[in-house]
Amino acid sequence: MGVFVFLPLVLPLTAWPIARLAEHHLHPRAATWLLTAVAGVLAVCSTLCLALLMVVGTAQLPGNPLPDGWSDPEVREAVPYDEVAGRAAIPALLVVVASCARAAWRHHRIRLRAGQALAGLPSPSVAVLTDEDPYAYALPGRRGRVVVTTGMLALLSSRERRALFAHERAHLTGRHHRFLLAVQLAAQANPFLRPLRTAVAFTAERWADEEAAASVGSRRTVARAVGKAALVSRGAPAATLAGFADAGPVPRRVAALLRPAPSTSWWPRALTPVGMAAWGAAAGTTVSALSSANSAVTLFFILEAAAPL
């Protein structure tokens, strides 16, 4: 295994450049897919390596439930700094599992409660709540709904309301909550992936902005609606649900809408800063996958030799 078992824990750093550049140089749809895929693979690889280290650490504990052969010196020598890394991996993995479970449960609980609260409303696709507090968000589910308050609608003109509904329907159609949940879990699994979580939260909103602009036929109308809503909106009830104007880089969204529509290409040209950043992230993700696979296979054969499974 050697140091390869530690590489997936730090290789998320190779994705930081693309997390920043993709927001400005890729179409939001392409950026959302790319960053989510990179974050997901890197999170799985780093968690797998933590689990491998935990096996070695647990085998050193007295009274552990693992076979005695797994604590042999030959097994421990397979992992560098086994006494420190192996034991440190035990609480680290427990924190990762607990954090991911908490984030997933909170997402599920909020969706469930919101769905139950709106169950009695007549419209299957739009829920207009009588509330002076202005907010709007997309509630996913078998019958996805756009949730908006009368306070939000009162702030917007008729064209801006069309932009709002088109924006939220784009979130539902594109299943953006899945991207947001995936990067949320990835960031819980490895703190180095937090810049990708922030980037995807932005690109998912930009993706919906572009869909809304195409639907209403006016980028300026969408920009005005986003700007107005951002001044007063409290945002979505959870980070894994997409809102119309959540707190964040709203000025960048408005500025992007006031420029021409971005290119629809899915991959940047190689000899550009964003192209090199994309290939760097792809290389880091590939190395992470190969390192974790190599470590898993190596440890499996070592443990099989020490005590047949």
Protein backbone atom coordinates (compact mmCIF):
# COMPACT_ATOMS: atom_id res chain seq x y z
CA MET A 1 0.00 0.00 0.00
CA GLY A 2 2.69 2.50 0.97
CA VAL A 3 1.86 6.18 0.79
CA PHE A 4 -0.75 5.48 -1.90
CA VAL A 5 -3.33 4.96 0.82
CA PHE A 6 -2.91 8.58 1.91
CA LEU A 7 -3.11 10.17 -1.56
CA PRO A 8 -6.94 10.16 -1.87
CA LEU A 9 -7.15 12.14 1.36
CA VAL A 10 -5.29 15.12 -0.16
CA LEU A 11 -5.92 14.80 -3.90
CA PRO A 12 -9.14 16.85 -3.64
CA LEU A 13 -6.76 19.82 -3.61
CA THR A 14 -6.23 19.23 -7.35
CA ALA A 15 -9.89 20.18 -7.94
CA TRP A 16 -9.65 23.62 -6.36
CA PRO A 17 -8.58 25.45 -9.56
CA ILE A 18 -11.45 24.03 -11.63
CA ALA A 19 -13.91 24.79 -8.81
CA ARG A 20 -13.11 28.47 -9.27
CA LEU A 21 -12.61 28.65 -13.03
CA ALA A 22 -15.61 26.51 -14.03
CA GLU A 23 -17.97 29.11 -12.60
CA HIS A 24 -16.76 31.68 -15.13
CA HIS A 25 -15.67 29.73 -18.20
CA LEU A 26 -17.99 26.73 -18.55
CA HIS A 27 -21.70 26.53 -19.22
CA PRO A 28 -23.40 26.19 -15.82
CA ARG A 29 -24.90 22.83 -16.79
CA ALA A 30 -21.51 21.42 -17.77
CA ALA A 31 -19.85 22.92 -14.69
CA THR A 32 -22.47 21.42 -12.36
CA TRP A 33 -22.09 17.94 -13.83
CA LEU A 34 -18.28 18.10 -13.89
CA LEU A 35 -17.81 19.42 -10.37
CA THR A 36 -20.37 17.04 -8.88
CA ALA A 37 -18.80 14.01 -10.57
CA VAL A 38 -15.30 15.01 -9.43
CA ALA A 39 -16.48 15.68 -5.86
CA GLY A 40 -18.37 12.39 -5.68
CA VAL A 41 -15.47 10.23 -6.88
CA LEU A 42 -12.92 12.00 -4.68
CA ALA A 43 -15.19 11.68 -1.62
CA VAL A 44 -15.75 7.95 -2.17
CA CYS A 45 -12.02 7.33 -2.63
CA SER A 46 -10.99 9.25 0.47
CA THR A 47 -13.66 7.51 2.56
CA LEU A 48 -12.54 4.11 1.28
CA CYS A 49 -8.94 4.83 2.28
CA LEU A 50 -10.07 5.94 5.72
CA ALA A 51 -11.88 2.63 6.05
CA LEU A 52 -8.74 0.71 5.05
CA LEU A 53 -6.71 2.61 7.63
CA MET A 54 -9.40 1.98 10.21
CA VAL A 55 -9.12 -1.79 9.66
CA VAL A 56 -5.43 -1.63 10.50
CA GLY A 57 -6.11 0.64 13.49
CA THR A 58 -8.92 -1.51 14.85
CA ALA A 59 -6.80 -4.64 14.61
CA GLN A 60 -4.38 -3.07 17.11
CA LEU A 61 -7.01 -2.55 19.79
CA PRO A 62 -7.24 -5.15 22.58
CA GLY A 63 -10.41 -7.22 22.42
CA ASN A 64 -11.17 -6.19 18.85
CA PRO A 65 -13.62 -8.40 16.92
CA LEU A 66 -11.26 -8.83 13.96
CA PRO A 67 -9.18 -11.97 13.36
CA ASP A 68 -5.97 -12.06 15.40
CA GLY A 69 -3.89 -12.42 12.25
CA TRP A 70 -4.93 -8.94 11.11
CA SER A 71 -2.81 -7.38 13.85
CA ASP A 72 0.37 -9.25 12.85
CA PRO A 73 3.45 -7.09 12.24
CA GLU A 74 3.39 -8.05 8.54
CA VAL A 75 -0.07 -6.56 8.18
CA ARG A 76 0.78 -3.41 10.10
CA GLU A 77 3.91 -2.86 8.03
CA ALA A 78 1.71 -2.57 4.94
CA VAL A 79 0.55 0.84 6.16
CA PRO A 80 3.17 3.52 6.89
CA TYR A 81 2.87 5.09 10.34
CA ASP A 82 0.34 2.38 11.19
CA GLU A 83 0.21 3.11 14.91
CA VAL A 84 -0.70 6.77 14.39
CA ALA A 85 -2.64 6.67 11.11
CA GLY A 86 -4.51 3.47 11.89
CA ARG A 87 -5.83 4.63 15.23
CA ALA A 88 -6.51 8.20 14.06
CA ALA A 89 -8.61 6.83 11.21
CA ILE A 90 -11.12 5.28 13.64
CA PRO A 91 -12.58 8.54 15.03
CA ALA A 92 -12.11 10.26 11.64
CA LEU A 93 -14.25 7.69 9.86
CA LEU A 94 -16.87 7.79 12.60
CA VAL A 95 -17.09 11.58 12.19
CA VAL A 96 -17.44 11.22 8.40
CA VAL A 97 -20.22 8.65 8.68
CA ALA A 98 -22.07 10.65 11.34
CA SER A 99 -21.78 13.91 9.38
CA CYS A 100 -22.99 12.35 6.14
CA ALA A 101 -25.87 10.59 7.88
CA ARG A 102 -26.90 13.82 9.58
CA ALA A 103 -26.83 15.79 6.31
CA ALA A 104 -28.82 13.12 4.46
CA TRP A 105 -31.36 12.82 7.26
CA ARG A 106 -31.82 16.61 7.49
CA HIS A 107 -32.44 16.78 3.74
CA HIS A 108 -34.98 13.96 3.92
CA ARG A 109 -36.71 15.40 7.01
CA ILE A 110 -37.12 18.87 5.50
CA ARG A 111 -38.48 17.45 2.24
CA LEU A 112 -40.89 15.23 4.15
CA ARG A 113 -42.16 17.98 6.44
CA ALA A 114 -42.56 20.46 3.60
CA GLY A 115 -44.40 17.89 1.50
CA GLN A 116 -46.76 17.09 4.37
CA ALA A 117 -47.42 20.78 5.03
CA LEU A 118 -48.35 21.36 1.36
CA ALA A 119 -50.34 18.16 0.90
CA GLY A 120 -53.71 19.88 1.26
CA LEU A 121 -53.12 22.59 -1.33
CA PRO A 122 -55.01 22.15 -4.61
CA SER A 123 -52.33 22.89 -7.22
CA PRO A 124 -50.06 19.91 -7.91
CA SER A 125 -47.20 22.00 -9.33
CA VAL A 126 -47.28 25.41 -7.57
CA ALA A 127 -47.85 26.21 -3.90
CA VAL A 128 -48.55 29.88 -3.17
CA LEU A 129 -48.35 30.53 0.56
CA THR A 130 -49.99 33.52 2.21
CA ASP A 131 -46.94 34.92 3.90
CA GLU A 132 -45.44 38.41 3.88
CA ASP A 133 -41.97 36.91 4.28
CA PRO A 134 -40.67 36.73 0.68
CA TYR A 135 -39.05 33.47 -0.44
CA ALA A 136 -39.32 30.89 -3.20
CA TYR A 137 -37.75 27.48 -3.69
CA ALA A 138 -38.18 24.21 -5.55
CA LEU A 139 -39.47 21.29 -3.50
CA PRO A 140 -38.49 18.01 -5.22
CA GLY A 141 -40.45 14.82 -5.01
CA ARG A 142 -42.68 12.55 -7.04
CA ARG A 143 -44.74 15.63 -7.80
CA GLY A 144 -42.20 18.44 -7.59
CA ARG A 145 -43.60 21.80 -6.59
CA VAL A 146 -42.61 25.43 -6.81
CA VAL A 147 -43.14 27.01 -3.39
CA VAL A 148 -43.54 30.78 -3.37
CA THR A 149 -45.07 33.29 -0.96
CA THR A 150 -47.41 36.16 -1.67
CA GLY A 151 -44.73 38.43 -0.25
CA MET A 152 -42.33 37.39 -2.99
CA LEU A 153 -44.93 37.69 -5.77
CA ALA A 154 -45.87 41.19 -4.62
CA LEU A 155 -42.31 42.38 -5.23
CA LEU A 156 -42.15 41.25 -8.86
CA SER A 157 -43.76 42.35 -12.08
CA SER A 158 -45.69 39.87 -14.22
CA ARG A 159 -42.67 39.13 -16.45
CA GLU A 160 -40.43 38.76 -13.42
CA ARG A 161 -42.90 36.30 -11.94
CA ARG A 162 -42.67 34.26 -15.13
CA ALA A 163 -38.90 34.30 -14.73
CA LEU A 164 -39.20 33.12 -11.13
CA PHE A 165 -41.46 30.20 -12.01
CA ALA A 166 -39.29 29.25 -14.99
CA HIS A 167 -36.22 29.32 -12.74
CA GLU A 168 -37.75 27.06 -10.11
CA ARG A 169 -39.17 24.65 -12.70
CA ALA A 170 -35.67 24.39 -14.17
CA HIS A 171 -34.45 23.27 -10.73
CA LEU A 172 -37.12 20.58 -10.64
CA THR A 173 -36.61 19.42 -14.23
CA GLY A 174 -32.84 19.26 -13.85
CA ARG A 175 -33.04 17.49 -10.47
CA HIS A 176 -30.66 20.06 -9.04
CA HIS A 177 -31.34 18.92 -5.49
CA ARG A 178 -29.44 15.72 -6.28
CA PHE A 179 -26.34 17.66 -7.28
CA LEU A 180 -26.60 19.82 -4.17
CA LEU A 181 -27.03 16.80 -1.90
CA ALA A 182 -24.12 14.95 -3.56
CA VAL A 183 -21.65 17.79 -3.04
CA GLN A 184 -22.98 18.39 0.48
CA LEU A 185 -22.22 14.77 1.38
CA ALA A 186 -18.85 14.96 -0.39
CA ALA A 187 -17.87 18.02 1.63
CA GLN A 188 -18.85 16.21 4.83
CA ALA A 189 -16.68 13.26 3.80
CA ASN A 190 -13.63 15.39 3.02
CA PRO A 191 -13.30 19.06 4.07
CA PHE A 192 -11.00 19.71 1.11
CA LEU A 193 -14.09 19.36 -1.13
CA ARG A 194 -15.92 22.33 0.37
CA PRO A 195 -14.90 24.69 -2.47
CA LEU A 196 -16.64 22.32 -4.89
CA ARG A 197 -19.80 22.40 -2.76
CA THR A 198 -19.79 26.20 -2.89
CA ALA A 199 -19.13 26.19 -6.63
CA VAL A 200 -21.96 23.74 -7.39
CA ALA A 201 -24.40 25.77 -5.30
CA PHE A 202 -23.56 28.71 -7.59
CA THR A 203 -23.51 26.85 -10.92
CA ALA A 204 -26.85 25.16 -10.17
CA GLU A 205 -28.42 28.58 -9.71
CA ARG A 206 -26.73 29.84 -12.87
CA TRP A 207 -28.02 26.78 -14.74
CA ALA A 208 -31.58 27.63 -13.69
CA ASP A 209 -30.99 31.30 -14.54
CA GLU A 210 -30.03 30.36 -18.11
CA GLU A 211 -33.06 28.08 -18.47
CA ALA A 212 -35.32 30.87 -17.19
CA ALA A 213 -33.77 33.41 -19.56
CA ALA A 214 -34.38 31.09 -22.50
CA SER A 215 -37.97 30.49 -21.36
CA VAL A 216 -39.00 34.14 -20.93
CA GLY A 217 -36.83 35.39 -23.78
CA SER A 218 -35.10 38.12 -21.78
CA ARG A 219 -31.90 37.82 -19.78
CA ARG A 220 -32.42 41.31 -18.35
CA THR A 221 -35.82 40.36 -16.92
CA VAL A 222 -34.32 37.39 -15.08
CA ALA A 223 -31.49 39.59 -13.80
CA ARG A 224 -33.96 42.13 -12.41
CA ALA A 225 -36.02 39.41 -10.75
CA VAL A 226 -32.95 37.84 -9.15
CA GLY A 227 -31.69 41.22 -7.96
CA LYS A 228 -35.02 42.22 -6.42
CA ALA A 229 -35.52 38.89 -4.69
CA ALA A 230 -31.98 38.82 -3.31
CA LEU A 231 -32.56 42.03 -1.39
CA VAL A 232 -35.32 40.54 0.75
CA SER A 233 -35.40 36.75 0.34
CA ARG A 234 -34.46 34.42 3.17
CA GLY A 235 -33.67 31.62 0.71
CA ALA A 236 -34.50 27.93 0.73
CA PRO A 237 -35.03 26.03 4.00
CA ALA A 238 -31.97 23.81 3.42
CA ALA A 239 -28.70 23.99 1.51
CA THR A 240 -29.70 20.93 -0.50
CA LEU A 241 -32.87 22.61 -1.84
CA ALA A 242 -32.55 25.19 -4.60
CA GLY A 243 -33.98 28.65 -3.91
CA PHE A 244 -34.56 31.59 -6.23
CA ALA A 245 -32.25 34.07 -4.53
CA ASP A 246 -30.33 32.48 -1.70
CA ALA A 247 -27.68 34.39 0.15
CA GLY A 248 -24.46 34.18 -1.86
CA PRO A 249 -22.83 35.56 -5.01
CA VAL A 250 -26.02 37.14 -6.41
CA PRO A 251 -24.12 40.07 -8.00
CA ARG A 252 -22.14 37.56 -10.07
CA ARG A 253 -25.36 35.91 -11.22
CA VAL A 254 -26.82 39.26 -12.23
CA ALA A 255 -23.62 40.25 -14.05
CA ALA A 256 -23.60 36.92 -15.93
CA LEU A 257 -27.22 37.46 -17.01
CA LEU A 258 -26.37 40.90 -18.36
CA ARG A 259 -23.74 39.35 -20.62
CA PRO A 260 -24.41 37.16 -23.69
CA ALA A 261 -25.40 33.54 -23.11
CA PRO A 262 -22.42 31.26 -22.34
CA SER A 263 -21.09 28.65 -24.72
CA THR A 264 -22.83 25.28 -24.57
CA SER A 265 -19.62 23.24 -24.92
CA TRP A 266 -19.22 20.47 -22.35
CA TRP A 267 -15.40 20.50 -22.13
CA PRO A 268 -13.03 23.47 -22.38
CA ARG A 269 -10.17 23.72 -24.83
CA ALA A 270 -6.98 22.19 -23.47
CA LEU A 271 -4.64 25.15 -23.92
CA THR A 272 -6.60 27.51 -21.70
CA PRO A 273 -6.48 28.07 -17.94
CA VAL A 274 -9.86 26.39 -17.41
CA GLY A 275 -8.86 23.56 -19.76
CA MET A 276 -5.66 22.87 -17.82
CA ALA A 277 -7.58 23.09 -14.54
CA ALA A 278 -10.15 20.60 -15.86
CA TRP A 279 -7.47 18.14 -16.97
CA GLY A 280 -5.68 18.61 -13.63
CA ALA A 281 -8.88 17.76 -11.74
CA ALA A 282 -9.46 14.77 -14.03
CA ALA A 283 -5.90 13.56 -13.43
CA GLY A 284 -6.24 13.99 -9.66
CA THR A 285 -9.54 12.11 -9.68
CA THR A 286 -8.04 9.28 -11.74
CA VAL A 287 -5.00 8.98 -9.48
CA SER A 288 -7.26 8.99 -6.44
CA ALA A 289 -9.39 6.18 -7.88
CA LEU A 290 -6.34 4.11 -8.83
CA SER A 291 -4.66 4.68 -5.47
CA SER A 292 -7.72 3.67 -3.47
CA ALA A 293 -8.29 0.61 -5.67
CA ASN A 294 -4.63 -0.41 -5.37
CA SER A 295 -4.71 0.01 -1.59
CA ALA A 296 -7.95 -1.96 -1.25
CA VAL A 297 -6.71 -4.86 -3.38
CA THR A 298 -3.32 -4.92 -1.67
CA LEU A 299 -4.79 -4.92 1.82
CA PHE A 300 -7.27 -7.63 0.84
CA PHE A 301 -4.51 -10.01 -0.24
CA ILE A 302 -2.42 -9.18 2.83
CA LEU A 303 -5.32 -9.89 5.18
CA GLU A 304 -6.20 -13.03 3.21
CA ALA A 305 -2.65 -14.29 3.68
CA ALA A 306 -2.61 -13.39 7.39
CA ALA A 307 -5.98 -14.96 8.19
CA PRO A 308 -8.12 -16.47 5.42
CA LEU A 309 -11.39 -14.59 5.11
